[in-house]
Amino acid sequence: VFVYPGMGQYLVDHVSKRDVPVVQACGLIFAAVY
């Protein structure tokens, strides 16, 4: 929403491009933090 340069924005940008390694990496980091 606020075009903030964080992991969420990076994840959404690469989901639209079907960049699987980026999606996997972001998902794993989010899961590890949670």
PDB file of all heavy atoms in Angstrom:
ATOM      1  N   VAL A   1       0.824  -1.205   0.000  1.00  0.00           N
ATOM      2  CA  VAL A   1       0.000   0.000   0.000  1.00  0.00           C
ATOM      3  C   VAL A   1       0.863   1.262   0.000  1.00  0.00           C
ATOM      4  O   VAL A   1       0.617   2.210  -0.763  1.00  0.00           O
ATOM      5  CB  VAL A   1      -0.954   0.008   1.220  1.00  0.00           C
ATOM      6  CG1 VAL A   1      -1.625   1.373   1.375  1.00  0.00           C
ATOM      7  CG2 VAL A   1      -2.013  -1.073   1.061  1.00  0.00           C
ATOM      8  N   PHE A   2       1.910   1.264   0.838  1.00  0.00           N
ATOM      9  CA  PHE A   2       2.737   2.465   0.983  1.00  0.00           C
ATOM     10  C   PHE A   2       4.045   2.394   0.177  1.00  0.00           C
ATOM     11  O   PHE A   2       4.926   3.233   0.356  1.00  0.00           O
ATOM     12  CB  PHE A   2       3.056   2.707   2.456  1.00  0.00           C
ATOM     13  CG  PHE A   2       1.866   3.108   3.277  1.00  0.00           C
ATOM     14  CD1 PHE A   2       1.173   2.175   4.033  1.00  0.00           C
ATOM     15  CD2 PHE A   2       1.401   4.412   3.276  1.00  0.00           C
ATOM     16  CE1 PHE A   2       0.059   2.534   4.791  1.00  0.00           C
ATOM     17  CE2 PHE A   2       0.295   4.789   4.024  1.00  0.00           C
ATOM     18  CZ  PHE A   2      -0.380   3.844   4.783  1.00  0.00           C
ATOM     19  N   VAL A   3       4.158   1.392  -0.698  1.00  0.00           N
ATOM     20  CA  VAL A   3       5.334   1.223  -1.565  1.00  0.00           C
ATOM     21  C   VAL A   3       6.612   1.254  -0.726  1.00  0.00           C
ATOM     22  O   VAL A   3       7.580   1.944  -1.041  1.00  0.00           O
ATOM     23  CB  VAL A   3       5.391   2.304  -2.671  1.00  0.00           C
ATOM     24  CG1 VAL A   3       6.281   1.842  -3.820  1.00  0.00           C
ATOM     25  CG2 VAL A   3       4.015   2.625  -3.207  1.00  0.00           C
ATOM     26  N   TYR A   4       6.598   0.506   0.361  1.00  0.00           N
ATOM     27  CA  TYR A   4       7.734   0.466   1.284  1.00  0.00           C
ATOM     28  C   TYR A   4       8.739  -0.580   0.803  1.00  0.00           C
ATOM     29  O   TYR A   4       8.355  -1.710   0.476  1.00  0.00           O
ATOM     30  CB  TYR A   4       7.247   0.132   2.694  1.00  0.00           C
ATOM     31  CG  TYR A   4       8.324   0.134   3.738  1.00  0.00           C
ATOM     32  CD1 TYR A   4       8.838   1.329   4.232  1.00  0.00           C
ATOM     33  CD2 TYR A   4       8.826  -1.061   4.242  1.00  0.00           C
ATOM     34  CE1 TYR A   4       9.828   1.334   5.205  1.00  0.00           C
ATOM     35  CE2 TYR A   4       9.813  -1.066   5.223  1.00  0.00           C
ATOM     36  CZ  TYR A   4      10.309   0.133   5.695  1.00  0.00           C
ATOM     37  OH  TYR A   4      11.286   0.140   6.651  1.00  0.00           O
ATOM     38  N   PRO A   5      10.028  -0.272   0.759  1.00  0.00           N
ATOM     39  CA  PRO A   5      11.022  -1.199   0.210  1.00  0.00           C
ATOM     40  C   PRO A   5      11.417  -2.306   1.189  1.00  0.00           C
ATOM     41  O   PRO A   5      12.570  -2.406   1.621  1.00  0.00           O
ATOM     42  CB  PRO A   5      12.213  -0.284  -0.100  1.00  0.00           C
ATOM     43  CG  PRO A   5      12.114   0.814   0.918  1.00  0.00           C
ATOM     44  CD  PRO A   5      10.631   1.043   1.106  1.00  0.00           C
ATOM     45  N   GLY A   6      10.452  -3.145   1.529  1.00  0.00           N
ATOM     46  CA  GLY A   6      10.718  -4.247   2.450  1.00  0.00           C
ATOM     47  C   GLY A   6      10.552  -5.593   1.771  1.00  0.00           C
ATOM     48  O   GLY A   6      10.392  -5.691   0.550  1.00  0.00           O
ATOM     49  N   MET A   7      10.563  -6.650   2.574  1.00  0.00           N
ATOM     50  CA  MET A   7      10.457  -8.000   2.027  1.00  0.00           C
ATOM     51  C   MET A   7       9.091  -8.259   1.399  1.00  0.00           C
ATOM     52  O   MET A   7       8.984  -8.983   0.408  1.00  0.00           O
ATOM     53  CB  MET A   7      10.716  -9.029   3.130  1.00  0.00           C
ATOM     54  CG  MET A   7      12.180  -9.314   3.370  1.00  0.00           C
ATOM     55  SD  MET A   7      12.413 -10.681   4.523  1.00  0.00           S
ATOM     56  CE  MET A   7      11.610 -12.013   3.655  1.00  0.00           C
ATOM     57  N   GLY A   8       8.045  -7.692   1.994  1.00  0.00           N
ATOM     58  CA  GLY A   8       6.703  -7.904   1.455  1.00  0.00           C
ATOM     59  C   GLY A   8       6.560  -7.372   0.041  1.00  0.00           C
ATOM     60  O   GLY A   8       6.013  -8.049  -0.838  1.00  0.00           O
ATOM     61  N   GLN A   9       7.056  -6.165  -0.187  1.00  0.00           N
ATOM     62  CA  GLN A   9       7.010  -5.574  -1.526  1.00  0.00           C
ATOM     63  C   GLN A   9       7.836  -6.404  -2.504  1.00  0.00           C
ATOM     64  O   GLN A   9       7.429  -6.649  -3.643  1.00  0.00           O
ATOM     65  CB  GLN A   9       7.554  -4.147  -1.463  1.00  0.00           C
ATOM     66  CG  GLN A   9       7.542  -3.405  -2.792  1.00  0.00           C
ATOM     67  CD  GLN A   9       6.139  -3.063  -3.248  1.00  0.00           C
ATOM     68  OE1 GLN A   9       5.334  -2.556  -2.475  1.00  0.00           O
ATOM     69  NE2 GLN A   9       5.840  -3.353  -4.492  1.00  0.00           N
ATOM     70  N   TYR A  10       8.992  -6.853  -2.057  1.00  0.00           N
ATOM     71  CA  TYR A  10       9.868  -7.683  -2.892  1.00  0.00           C
ATOM     72  C   TYR A  10       9.183  -8.999  -3.242  1.00  0.00           C
ATOM     73  O   TYR A  10       9.255  -9.468  -4.394  1.00  0.00           O
ATOM     74  CB  TYR A  10      11.170  -7.950  -2.138  1.00  0.00           C
ATOM     75  CG  TYR A  10      12.237  -8.673  -2.920  1.00  0.00           C
ATOM     76  CD1 TYR A  10      12.927  -8.045  -3.951  1.00  0.00           C
ATOM     77  CD2 TYR A  10      12.587  -9.981  -2.601  1.00  0.00           C
ATOM     78  CE1 TYR A  10      13.926  -8.705  -4.652  1.00  0.00           C
ATOM     79  CE2 TYR A  10      13.579 -10.649  -3.292  1.00  0.00           C
ATOM     80  CZ  TYR A  10      14.250 -10.003  -4.318  1.00  0.00           C
ATOM     81  OH  TYR A  10      15.235 -10.662  -5.011  1.00  0.00           O
ATOM     82  N   LEU A  11       8.495  -9.597  -2.284  1.00  0.00           N
ATOM     83  CA  LEU A  11       7.782 -10.853  -2.515  1.00  0.00           C
ATOM     84  C   LEU A  11       6.663 -10.681  -3.536  1.00  0.00           C
ATOM     85  O   LEU A  11       6.544 -11.468  -4.487  1.00  0.00           O
ATOM     86  CB  LEU A  11       7.207 -11.375  -1.191  1.00  0.00           C
ATOM     87  CG  LEU A  11       6.261 -12.576  -1.265  1.00  0.00           C
ATOM     88  CD1 LEU A  11       6.984 -13.793  -1.827  1.00  0.00           C
ATOM     89  CD2 LEU A  11       5.681 -12.882   0.117  1.00  0.00           C
ATOM     90  N   VAL A  12       5.848  -9.655  -3.373  1.00  0.00           N
ATOM     91  CA  VAL A  12       4.723  -9.431  -4.283  1.00  0.00           C
ATOM     92  C   VAL A  12       5.222  -9.158  -5.705  1.00  0.00           C
ATOM     93  O   VAL A  12       4.651  -9.654  -6.689  1.00  0.00           O
ATOM     94  CB  VAL A  12       3.856  -8.261  -3.773  1.00  0.00           C
ATOM     95  CG1 VAL A  12       2.808  -7.871  -4.811  1.00  0.00           C
ATOM     96  CG2 VAL A  12       3.177  -8.642  -2.467  1.00  0.00           C
ATOM     97  N   ASP A  13       6.302  -8.382  -5.833  1.00  0.00           N
ATOM     98  CA  ASP A  13       6.853  -8.096  -7.154  1.00  0.00           C
ATOM     99  C   ASP A  13       7.253  -9.372  -7.888  1.00  0.00           C
ATOM    100  O   ASP A  13       7.069  -9.492  -9.103  1.00  0.00           O
ATOM    101  CB  ASP A  13       8.070  -7.172  -7.039  1.00  0.00           C
ATOM    102  CG  ASP A  13       7.688  -5.758  -6.636  1.00  0.00           C
ATOM    103  OD1 ASP A  13       6.495  -5.414  -6.763  1.00  0.00           O
ATOM    104  OD2 ASP A  13       8.568  -4.998  -6.179  1.00  0.00           O
ATOM    105  N   HIS A  14       7.805 -10.344  -7.164  1.00  0.00           N
ATOM    106  CA  HIS A  14       8.311 -11.550  -7.811  1.00  0.00           C
ATOM    107  C   HIS A  14       7.262 -12.658  -7.913  1.00  0.00           C
ATOM    108  O   HIS A  14       7.432 -13.582  -8.708  1.00  0.00           O
ATOM    109  CB  HIS A  14       9.552 -12.052  -7.073  1.00  0.00           C
ATOM    110  CG  HIS A  14      10.768 -11.217  -7.334  1.00  0.00           C
ATOM    111  ND1 HIS A  14      10.976 -10.002  -6.714  1.00  0.00           N
ATOM    112  CD2 HIS A  14      11.819 -11.390  -8.172  1.00  0.00           C
ATOM    113  CE1 HIS A  14      12.119  -9.475  -7.140  1.00  0.00           C
ATOM    114  NE2 HIS A  14      12.644 -10.290  -8.021  1.00  0.00           N
ATOM    115  N   VAL A  15       6.200 -12.567  -7.118  1.00  0.00           N
ATOM    116  CA  VAL A  15       5.091 -13.510  -7.319  1.00  0.00           C
ATOM    117  C   VAL A  15       4.470 -13.301  -8.693  1.00  0.00           C
ATOM    118  O   VAL A  15       4.157 -14.250  -9.413  1.00  0.00           O
ATOM    119  CB  VAL A  15       4.034 -13.346  -6.211  1.00  0.00           C
ATOM    120  CG1 VAL A  15       2.730 -14.038  -6.596  1.00  0.00           C
ATOM    121  CG2 VAL A  15       4.548 -13.911  -4.895  1.00  0.00           C
ATOM    122  N   SER A  16       4.298 -12.034  -9.074  1.00  0.00           N
ATOM    123  CA  SER A  16       3.708 -11.727 -10.380  1.00  0.00           C
ATOM    124  C   SER A  16       4.587 -12.202 -11.530  1.00  0.00           C
ATOM    125  O   SER A  16       4.092 -12.469 -12.632  1.00  0.00           O
ATOM    126  CB  SER A  16       3.457 -10.223 -10.504  1.00  0.00           C
ATOM    127  OG  SER A  16       4.678  -9.499 -10.401  1.00  0.00           O
ATOM    128  N   LYS A  17       5.904 -12.336 -11.280  1.00  0.00           N
ATOM    129  CA  LYS A  17       6.827 -12.803 -12.324  1.00  0.00           C
ATOM    130  C   LYS A  17       7.050 -14.314 -12.258  1.00  0.00           C
ATOM    131  O   LYS A  17       7.810 -14.853 -13.055  1.00  0.00           O
ATOM    132  CB  LYS A  17       8.182 -12.099 -12.164  1.00  0.00           C
ATOM    133  CG  LYS A  17       8.109 -10.583 -12.238  1.00  0.00           C
ATOM    134  CD  LYS A  17       9.461  -9.961 -11.898  1.00  0.00           C
ATOM    135  CE  LYS A  17       9.393  -8.449 -11.867  1.00  0.00           C
ATOM    136  NZ  LYS A  17      10.700  -7.844 -11.444  1.00  0.00           N
ATOM    137  N   ARG A  18       6.392 -14.964 -11.292  1.00  0.00           N
ATOM    138  CA  ARG A  18       6.565 -16.404 -11.036  1.00  0.00           C
ATOM    139  C   ARG A  18       8.038 -16.751 -10.819  1.00  0.00           C
ATOM    140  O   ARG A  18       8.554 -17.729 -11.360  1.00  0.00           O
ATOM    141  CB  ARG A  18       5.971 -17.248 -12.165  1.00  0.00           C
ATOM    142  CG  ARG A  18       5.592 -18.654 -11.698  1.00  0.00           C
ATOM    143  CD  ARG A  18       5.067 -19.530 -12.813  1.00  0.00           C
ATOM    144  NE  ARG A  18       4.697 -20.835 -12.296  1.00  0.00           N
ATOM    145  CZ  ARG A  18       5.558 -21.831 -12.071  1.00  0.00           C
ATOM    146  NH1 ARG A  18       6.837 -21.653 -12.292  1.00  0.00           N
ATOM    147  NH2 ARG A  18       5.131 -23.002 -11.609  1.00  0.00           N
ATOM    148  N   ASP A  19       8.701 -15.942 -10.040  1.00  0.00           N
ATOM    149  CA  ASP A  19      10.092 -16.185  -9.687  1.00  0.00           C
ATOM    150  C   ASP A  19      10.101 -17.080  -8.446  1.00  0.00           C
ATOM    151  O   ASP A  19      10.151 -16.604  -7.307  1.00  0.00           O
ATOM    152  CB  ASP A  19      10.809 -14.859  -9.414  1.00  0.00           C
ATOM    153  CG  ASP A  19      12.312 -14.985  -9.544  1.00  0.00           C
ATOM    154  OD1 ASP A  19      12.828 -16.068  -9.233  1.00  0.00           O
ATOM    155  OD2 ASP A  19      12.954 -14.016  -9.983  1.00  0.00           O
ATOM    156  N   VAL A  20      10.067 -18.386  -8.670  1.00  0.00           N
ATOM    157  CA  VAL A  20       9.867 -19.354  -7.597  1.00  0.00           C
ATOM    158  C   VAL A  20      10.938 -19.286  -6.511  1.00  0.00           C
ATOM    159  O   VAL A  20      10.598 -19.308  -5.322  1.00  0.00           O
ATOM    160  CB  VAL A  20       9.756 -20.782  -8.177  1.00  0.00           C
ATOM    161  CG1 VAL A  20       9.710 -21.826  -7.064  1.00  0.00           C
ATOM    162  CG2 VAL A  20       8.517 -20.907  -9.047  1.00  0.00           C
ATOM    163  N   PRO A  21      12.235 -19.217  -6.825  1.00  0.00           N
ATOM    164  CA  PRO A  21      13.236 -19.162  -5.748  1.00  0.00           C
ATOM    165  C   PRO A  21      13.039 -17.981  -4.796  1.00  0.00           C
ATOM    166  O   PRO A  21      13.259 -18.105  -3.587  1.00  0.00           O
ATOM    167  CB  PRO A  21      14.565 -19.055  -6.502  1.00  0.00           C
ATOM    168  CG  PRO A  21      14.301 -19.680  -7.824  1.00  0.00           C
ATOM    169  CD  PRO A  21      12.881 -19.321  -8.150  1.00  0.00           C
ATOM    170  N   VAL A  22      12.633 -16.827  -5.318  1.00  0.00           N
ATOM    171  CA  VAL A  22      12.399 -15.664  -4.463  1.00  0.00           C
ATOM    172  C   VAL A  22      11.201 -15.913  -3.547  1.00  0.00           C
ATOM    173  O   VAL A  22      11.248 -15.609  -2.345  1.00  0.00           O
ATOM    174  CB  VAL A  22      12.172 -14.400  -5.308  1.00  0.00           C
ATOM    175  CG1 VAL A  22      11.771 -13.224  -4.421  1.00  0.00           C
ATOM    176  CG2 VAL A  22      13.436 -14.047  -6.087  1.00  0.00           C
ATOM    177  N   VAL A  23      10.128 -16.466  -4.101  1.00  0.00           N
ATOM    178  CA  VAL A  23       8.935 -16.759  -3.301  1.00  0.00           C
ATOM    179  C   VAL A  23       9.276 -17.765  -2.200  1.00  0.00           C
ATOM    180  O   VAL A  23       8.855 -17.609  -1.042  1.00  0.00           O
ATOM    181  CB  VAL A  23       7.803 -17.292  -4.199  1.00  0.00           C
ATOM    182  CG1 VAL A  23       6.590 -17.670  -3.359  1.00  0.00           C
ATOM    183  CG2 VAL A  23       7.419 -16.258  -5.244  1.00  0.00           C
ATOM    184  N   GLN A  24      10.047 -18.791  -2.541  1.00  0.00           N
ATOM    185  CA  GLN A  24      10.443 -19.794  -1.555  1.00  0.00           C
ATOM    186  C   GLN A  24      11.301 -19.172  -0.447  1.00  0.00           C
ATOM    187  O   GLN A  24      11.093 -19.452   0.732  1.00  0.00           O
ATOM    188  CB  GLN A  24      11.220 -20.917  -2.243  1.00  0.00           C
ATOM    189  CG  GLN A  24      10.375 -21.780  -3.151  1.00  0.00           C
ATOM    190  CD  GLN A  24      11.213 -22.754  -3.963  1.00  0.00           C
ATOM    191  OE1 GLN A  24      12.418 -22.557  -4.143  1.00  0.00           O
ATOM    192  NE2 GLN A  24      10.594 -23.809  -4.451  1.00  0.00           N
ATOM    193  N   ALA A  25      12.242 -18.333  -0.832  1.00  0.00           N
ATOM    194  CA  ALA A  25      13.132 -17.716   0.154  1.00  0.00           C
ATOM    195  C   ALA A  25      12.355 -16.809   1.104  1.00  0.00           C
ATOM    196  O   ALA A  25      12.536 -16.872   2.331  1.00  0.00           O
ATOM    197  CB  ALA A  25      14.230 -16.926  -0.564  1.00  0.00           C
ATOM    198  N   CYS A  26      11.490 -15.964   0.555  1.00  0.00           N
ATOM    199  CA  CYS A  26      10.701 -15.061   1.402  1.00  0.00           C
ATOM    200  C   CYS A  26       9.772 -15.851   2.325  1.00  0.00           C
ATOM    201  O   CYS A  26       9.641 -15.521   3.516  1.00  0.00           O
ATOM    202  CB  CYS A  26       9.894 -14.105   0.533  1.00  0.00           C
ATOM    203  SG  CYS A  26      10.887 -12.887  -0.367  1.00  0.00           S
ATOM    204  N   GLY A  27       9.134 -16.888   1.779  1.00  0.00           N
ATOM    205  CA  GLY A  27       8.245 -17.707   2.604  1.00  0.00           C
ATOM    206  C   GLY A  27       8.980 -18.384   3.739  1.00  0.00           C
ATOM    207  O   GLY A  27       8.483 -18.437   4.877  1.00  0.00           O
ATOM    208  N   LEU A  28      10.181 -18.890   3.465  1.00  0.00           N
ATOM    209  CA  LEU A  28      10.958 -19.563   4.503  1.00  0.00           C
ATOM    210  C   LEU A  28      11.406 -18.581   5.582  1.00  0.00           C
ATOM    211  O   LEU A  28      11.365 -18.896   6.779  1.00  0.00           O
ATOM    212  CB  LEU A  28      12.172 -20.249   3.869  1.00  0.00           C
ATOM    213  CG  LEU A  28      12.994 -21.149   4.795  1.00  0.00           C
ATOM    214  CD1 LEU A  28      12.153 -22.324   5.279  1.00  0.00           C
ATOM    215  CD2 LEU A  28      14.242 -21.662   4.088  1.00  0.00           C
ATOM    216  N   ILE A  29      11.826 -17.386   5.191  1.00  0.00           N
ATOM    217  CA  ILE A  29      12.266 -16.389   6.175  1.00  0.00           C
ATOM    218  C   ILE A  29      11.094 -15.931   7.036  1.00  0.00           C
ATOM    219  O   ILE A  29      11.204 -15.832   8.274  1.00  0.00           O
ATOM    220  CB  ILE A  29      12.918 -15.189   5.460  1.00  0.00           C
ATOM    221  CG1 ILE A  29      14.245 -15.610   4.825  1.00  0.00           C
ATOM    222  CG2 ILE A  29      13.152 -14.036   6.442  1.00  0.00           C
ATOM    223  CD1 ILE A  29      14.878 -14.538   3.970  1.00  0.00           C
ATOM    224  N   PHE A  30       9.951 -15.669   6.417  1.00  0.00           N
ATOM    225  CA  PHE A  30       8.774 -15.274   7.187  1.00  0.00           C
ATOM    226  C   PHE A  30       8.384 -16.371   8.178  1.00  0.00           C
ATOM    227  O   PHE A  30       8.049 -16.094   9.337  1.00  0.00           O
ATOM    228  CB  PHE A  30       7.604 -14.976   6.255  1.00  0.00           C
ATOM    229  CG  PHE A  30       7.655 -13.601   5.638  1.00  0.00           C
ATOM    230  CD1 PHE A  30       7.320 -13.408   4.304  1.00  0.00           C
ATOM    231  CD2 PHE A  30       8.019 -12.494   6.378  1.00  0.00           C
ATOM    232  CE1 PHE A  30       7.363 -12.148   3.727  1.00  0.00           C
ATOM    233  CE2 PHE A  30       8.060 -11.224   5.819  1.00  0.00           C
ATOM    234  CZ  PHE A  30       7.730 -11.058   4.489  1.00  0.00           C
ATOM    235  N   ALA A  31       8.418 -17.626   7.722  1.00  0.00           N
ATOM    236  CA  ALA A  31       8.068 -18.747   8.604  1.00  0.00           C
ATOM    237  C   ALA A  31       9.049 -18.863   9.763  1.00  0.00           C
ATOM    238  O   ALA A  31       8.646 -19.089  10.911  1.00  0.00           O
ATOM    239  CB  ALA A  31       8.035 -20.051   7.801  1.00  0.00           C
ATOM    240  N   ALA A  32      10.351 -18.698   9.475  1.00  0.00           N
ATOM    241  CA  ALA A  32      11.365 -18.797  10.533  1.00  0.00           C
ATOM    242  C   ALA A  32      11.176 -17.704  11.570  1.00  0.00           C
ATOM    243  O   ALA A  32      11.296 -17.960  12.783  1.00  0.00           O
ATOM    244  CB  ALA A  32      12.756 -18.717   9.911  1.00  0.00           C
ATOM    245  N   VAL A  33      10.883 -16.479  11.130  1.00  0.00           N
ATOM    246  CA  VAL A  33      10.663 -15.376  12.071  1.00  0.00           C
ATOM    247  C   VAL A  33       9.435 -15.638  12.934  1.00  0.00           C
ATOM    248  O   VAL A  33       9.459 -15.475  14.167  1.00  0.00           O
ATOM    249  CB  VAL A  33      10.522 -14.047  11.314  1.00  0.00           C
ATOM    250  CG1 VAL A  33      10.072 -12.938  12.263  1.00  0.00           C
ATOM    251  CG2 VAL A  33      11.841 -13.659  10.652  1.00  0.00           C
ATOM    252  N   TYR A  34       8.346 -16.070  12.305  1.00  0.00           N
ATOM    253  CA  TYR A  34       7.100 -16.309  13.037  1.00  0.00           C
ATOM    254  C   TYR A  34       7.275 -17.426  14.062  1.00  0.00           C
ATOM    255  O   TYR A  34       6.892 -17.286  15.232  1.00  0.00           O
ATOM    256  CB  TYR A  34       5.988 -16.672  12.061  1.00  0.00           C
ATOM    257  CG  TYR A  34       4.611 -16.645  12.666  1.00  0.00           C
ATOM    258  CD1 TYR A  34       3.878 -15.465  12.736  1.00  0.00           C
ATOM    259  CD2 TYR A  34       4.036 -17.803  13.199  1.00  0.00           C
ATOM    260  CE1 TYR A  34       2.619 -15.443  13.310  1.00  0.00           C
ATOM    261  CE2 TYR A  34       2.782 -17.785  13.771  1.00  0.00           C
ATOM    262  CZ  TYR A  34       2.070 -16.596  13.822  1.00  0.00           C
ATOM    263  OH  TYR A  34       0.838 -16.575  14.397  1.00  0.00           O
TER     264      TYR A  34
END
